[in-house]
Structures are given as C-alpha cells and as structure tokens.
Amino acid sequence: MRQRHIFGTVFTVEAAIAGAVFLAVLGLLAWTLLRHRGVRPPADAAERSERPRLEAYYAGALAAFAVFLVAWTA
C-alpha cells in the first residue's frame, strides 16, 4: 500500500504548516489585543478599516498555501 507510506510525509508537512499558521494567528491576536487595549478608535476609523491591498495579499498567500497543499497531497 503506497498510500500509507505517503501519508506520513504529507501529514508531517501539513501539521507543520497548521502549527505555523496557528502560532501566527495567535501572535497576531495577542499583538492586536495588547496594542488596542483601552484605545478609543479615531473619528476616521471607518474609512481606514477597509484595506483592500492588505486583504489581497492575504488572499494571495492563502491561495498559494492551498495550491501547495493540494499539489503536495496529490
């Protein structure tokens, strides 16, 4: 059964990526909570809350990871 041999390698890579993403999200959450703790948002916060360029980079990085995982698994 060739699939059982491949599963160990794929699982290791996917677990490492999942751990890194979890740590990154946890770190960003902690940084955001500590940075914005007790800070009142400015009057123009509604205008600055939309950041399409940053969201585009995030979507691109997410898509790249998804393509990598699909290619690695297949």
N, C-alpha and C. Protein backbone atom coordinates (compact mmCIF):
# COMPACT_ATOMS: atom_id res chain seq x y z
N MET A 1 0.83 -1.18 0.00
CA MET A 1 0.00 0.00 0.00
C MET A 1 0.88 1.25 0.00
N ARG A 2 0.97 1.87 -1.10
CA ARG A 2 1.80 3.06 -1.27
C ARG A 2 1.24 4.26 -0.52
N GLN A 3 -0.07 4.33 -0.36
CA GLN A 3 -0.68 5.49 0.27
C GLN A 3 -0.28 5.63 1.74
N ARG A 4 -0.11 4.56 2.45
CA ARG A 4 0.27 4.65 3.86
C ARG A 4 1.66 5.24 4.03
N HIS A 5 2.55 4.94 3.15
CA HIS A 5 3.89 5.50 3.22
C HIS A 5 3.87 7.01 2.94
N ILE A 6 3.09 7.41 1.97
CA ILE A 6 3.00 8.82 1.61
C ILE A 6 2.28 9.62 2.69
N PHE A 7 1.31 9.02 3.36
CA PHE A 7 0.53 9.73 4.38
C PHE A 7 1.43 10.28 5.48
N GLY A 8 2.42 9.54 5.91
CA GLY A 8 3.30 10.02 6.97
C GLY A 8 4.03 11.28 6.57
N THR A 9 4.52 11.33 5.36
CA THR A 9 5.24 12.52 4.88
C THR A 9 4.30 13.70 4.71
N VAL A 10 3.16 13.46 4.10
CA VAL A 10 2.19 14.53 3.88
C VAL A 10 1.66 15.05 5.21
N PHE A 11 1.38 14.16 6.14
CA PHE A 11 0.86 14.58 7.44
C PHE A 11 1.87 15.45 8.18
N THR A 12 3.14 15.11 8.08
CA THR A 12 4.17 15.91 8.74
C THR A 12 4.22 17.32 8.17
N VAL A 13 4.19 17.46 6.86
CA VAL A 13 4.22 18.78 6.22
C VAL A 13 2.97 19.57 6.57
N GLU A 14 1.80 18.94 6.48
CA GLU A 14 0.56 19.64 6.78
C GLU A 14 0.46 20.02 8.25
N ALA A 15 0.96 19.18 9.14
CA ALA A 15 0.94 19.51 10.57
C ALA A 15 1.88 20.67 10.86
N ALA A 16 3.02 20.72 10.21
CA ALA A 16 3.95 21.84 10.41
C ALA A 16 3.34 23.15 9.92
N ILE A 17 2.69 23.13 8.77
CA ILE A 17 2.04 24.32 8.24
C ILE A 17 0.90 24.75 9.15
N ALA A 18 0.10 23.80 9.61
CA ALA A 18 -1.02 24.12 10.50
C ALA A 18 -0.50 24.73 11.81
N GLY A 19 0.58 24.20 12.34
CA GLY A 19 1.16 24.74 13.57
C GLY A 19 1.67 26.16 13.37
N ALA A 20 2.32 26.40 12.24
CA ALA A 20 2.84 27.74 11.96
C ALA A 20 1.71 28.75 11.78
N VAL A 21 0.65 28.34 11.11
CA VAL A 21 -0.49 29.23 10.92
C VAL A 21 -1.16 29.51 12.26
N PHE A 22 -1.30 28.49 13.09
CA PHE A 22 -1.91 28.67 14.41
C PHE A 22 -1.09 29.65 15.25
N LEU A 23 0.22 29.49 15.25
CA LEU A 23 1.07 30.40 16.02
C LEU A 23 1.01 31.82 15.47
N ALA A 24 0.95 31.96 14.16
CA ALA A 24 0.87 33.29 13.57
C ALA A 24 -0.45 33.98 13.95
N VAL A 25 -1.54 33.25 13.87
CA VAL A 25 -2.84 33.83 14.23
C VAL A 25 -2.88 34.15 15.72
N LEU A 26 -2.37 33.27 16.54
CA LEU A 26 -2.33 33.51 17.98
C LEU A 26 -1.47 34.73 18.31
N GLY A 27 -0.33 34.86 17.66
CA GLY A 27 0.53 36.02 17.86
C GLY A 27 -0.12 37.32 17.42
N LEU A 28 -0.78 37.30 16.26
CA LEU A 28 -1.46 38.50 15.79
C LEU A 28 -2.62 38.88 16.71
N LEU A 29 -3.32 37.89 17.22
CA LEU A 29 -4.41 38.17 18.15
C LEU A 29 -3.88 38.80 19.43
N ALA A 30 -2.82 38.25 19.98
CA ALA A 30 -2.23 38.80 21.20
C ALA A 30 -1.70 40.21 20.94
N TRP A 31 -1.02 40.42 19.82
CA TRP A 31 -0.49 41.74 19.50
C TRP A 31 -1.61 42.77 19.35
N THR A 32 -2.70 42.38 18.68
CA THR A 32 -3.82 43.28 18.49
C THR A 32 -4.49 43.62 19.82
N LEU A 33 -4.68 42.61 20.66
CA LEU A 33 -5.32 42.86 21.95
C LEU A 33 -4.46 43.75 22.83
N LEU A 34 -3.16 43.55 22.83
CA LEU A 34 -2.29 44.37 23.66
C LEU A 34 -2.13 45.79 23.10
N ARG A 35 -2.09 45.91 21.81
CA ARG A 35 -1.89 47.22 21.18
C ARG A 35 -3.12 48.10 21.28
N HIS A 36 -4.28 47.51 21.12
CA HIS A 36 -5.52 48.29 21.07
C HIS A 36 -6.29 48.25 22.39
N ARG A 37 -5.66 47.85 23.42
CA ARG A 37 -6.33 47.73 24.71
C ARG A 37 -6.62 49.14 25.27
N GLY A 38 -7.88 49.44 25.43
CA GLY A 38 -8.28 50.71 26.01
C GLY A 38 -8.08 51.91 25.11
N VAL A 39 -7.84 51.69 23.85
CA VAL A 39 -7.64 52.80 22.93
C VAL A 39 -8.94 53.07 22.21
N ARG A 40 -9.36 54.30 22.23
CA ARG A 40 -10.59 54.68 21.54
C ARG A 40 -10.28 54.89 20.06
N PRO A 41 -11.11 54.33 19.16
CA PRO A 41 -10.83 54.50 17.73
C PRO A 41 -11.01 55.95 17.30
N PRO A 42 -10.17 56.43 16.38
CA PRO A 42 -10.30 57.81 15.89
C PRO A 42 -11.57 57.99 15.06
N ALA A 43 -11.88 59.22 14.76
CA ALA A 43 -13.12 59.52 14.02
C ALA A 43 -13.10 58.94 12.61
N ASP A 44 -11.94 58.83 11.99
CA ASP A 44 -11.87 58.31 10.63
C ASP A 44 -11.57 56.81 10.58
N ALA A 45 -11.86 56.09 11.65
CA ALA A 45 -11.58 54.65 11.70
C ALA A 45 -12.40 53.88 10.70
N ALA A 46 -13.60 54.34 10.42
CA ALA A 46 -14.45 53.64 9.46
C ALA A 46 -13.84 53.67 8.07
N GLU A 47 -13.20 54.78 7.72
CA GLU A 47 -12.58 54.88 6.40
C GLU A 47 -11.33 54.01 6.30
N ARG A 48 -10.56 53.93 7.38
CA ARG A 48 -9.32 53.17 7.35
C ARG A 48 -9.53 51.68 7.57
N SER A 49 -10.73 51.27 7.99
CA SER A 49 -10.95 49.86 8.28
C SER A 49 -10.94 49.00 7.03
N GLU A 50 -11.20 49.60 5.88
CA GLU A 50 -11.17 48.84 4.64
C GLU A 50 -9.77 48.94 4.04
N ARG A 51 -9.11 47.81 3.97
CA ARG A 51 -7.75 47.78 3.42
C ARG A 51 -7.69 46.72 2.32
N PRO A 52 -8.13 47.07 1.12
CA PRO A 52 -8.20 46.07 0.05
C PRO A 52 -6.84 45.52 -0.36
N ARG A 53 -5.78 46.32 -0.30
CA ARG A 53 -4.47 45.82 -0.72
C ARG A 53 -3.97 44.76 0.26
N LEU A 54 -4.12 45.01 1.55
CA LEU A 54 -3.71 44.04 2.55
C LEU A 54 -4.52 42.76 2.44
N GLU A 55 -5.82 42.90 2.20
CA GLU A 55 -6.68 41.73 2.03
C GLU A 55 -6.30 40.95 0.77
N ALA A 56 -5.88 41.64 -0.26
CA ALA A 56 -5.47 40.96 -1.49
C ALA A 56 -4.20 40.14 -1.25
N TYR A 57 -3.24 40.70 -0.49
CA TYR A 57 -2.03 39.93 -0.16
C TYR A 57 -2.38 38.71 0.68
N TYR A 58 -3.28 38.89 1.63
CA TYR A 58 -3.70 37.77 2.48
C TYR A 58 -4.37 36.69 1.64
N ALA A 59 -5.25 37.09 0.75
CA ALA A 59 -5.93 36.12 -0.11
C ALA A 59 -4.94 35.40 -1.02
N GLY A 60 -3.96 36.13 -1.52
CA GLY A 60 -2.94 35.51 -2.37
C GLY A 60 -2.10 34.50 -1.61
N ALA A 61 -1.70 34.86 -0.39
CA ALA A 61 -0.91 33.93 0.43
C ALA A 61 -1.73 32.70 0.79
N LEU A 62 -2.98 32.90 1.11
CA LEU A 62 -3.86 31.78 1.44
C LEU A 62 -4.05 30.86 0.23
N ALA A 63 -4.23 31.45 -0.93
CA ALA A 63 -4.37 30.65 -2.15
C ALA A 63 -3.09 29.89 -2.47
N ALA A 64 -1.94 30.52 -2.25
CA ALA A 64 -0.67 29.84 -2.50
C ALA A 64 -0.49 28.63 -1.59
N PHE A 65 -0.84 28.78 -0.31
CA PHE A 65 -0.76 27.63 0.60
C PHE A 65 -1.73 26.54 0.19
N ALA A 66 -2.92 26.92 -0.23
CA ALA A 66 -3.90 25.92 -0.65
C ALA A 66 -3.40 25.16 -1.88
N VAL A 67 -2.84 25.87 -2.84
CA VAL A 67 -2.31 25.20 -4.04
C VAL A 67 -1.14 24.30 -3.66
N PHE A 68 -0.28 24.76 -2.78
CA PHE A 68 0.86 23.92 -2.35
C PHE A 68 0.36 22.63 -1.68
N LEU A 69 -0.61 22.76 -0.78
CA LEU A 69 -1.10 21.57 -0.08
C LEU A 69 -1.80 20.60 -1.03
N VAL A 70 -2.56 21.11 -1.98
CA VAL A 70 -3.22 20.24 -2.94
C VAL A 70 -2.19 19.54 -3.82
N ALA A 71 -1.18 20.29 -4.28
CA ALA A 71 -0.14 19.70 -5.13
C ALA A 71 0.67 18.66 -4.35
N TRP A 72 0.99 18.96 -3.11
CA TRP A 72 1.79 18.04 -2.29
C TRP A 72 0.99 16.76 -2.01
N THR A 73 -0.29 16.91 -1.72
CA THR A 73 -1.12 15.75 -1.39
C THR A 73 -1.36 14.90 -2.64
N ALA A 74 -1.59 15.55 -3.77
CA ALA A 74 -1.87 14.80 -5.00
C ALA A 74 -0.60 14.15 -5.50
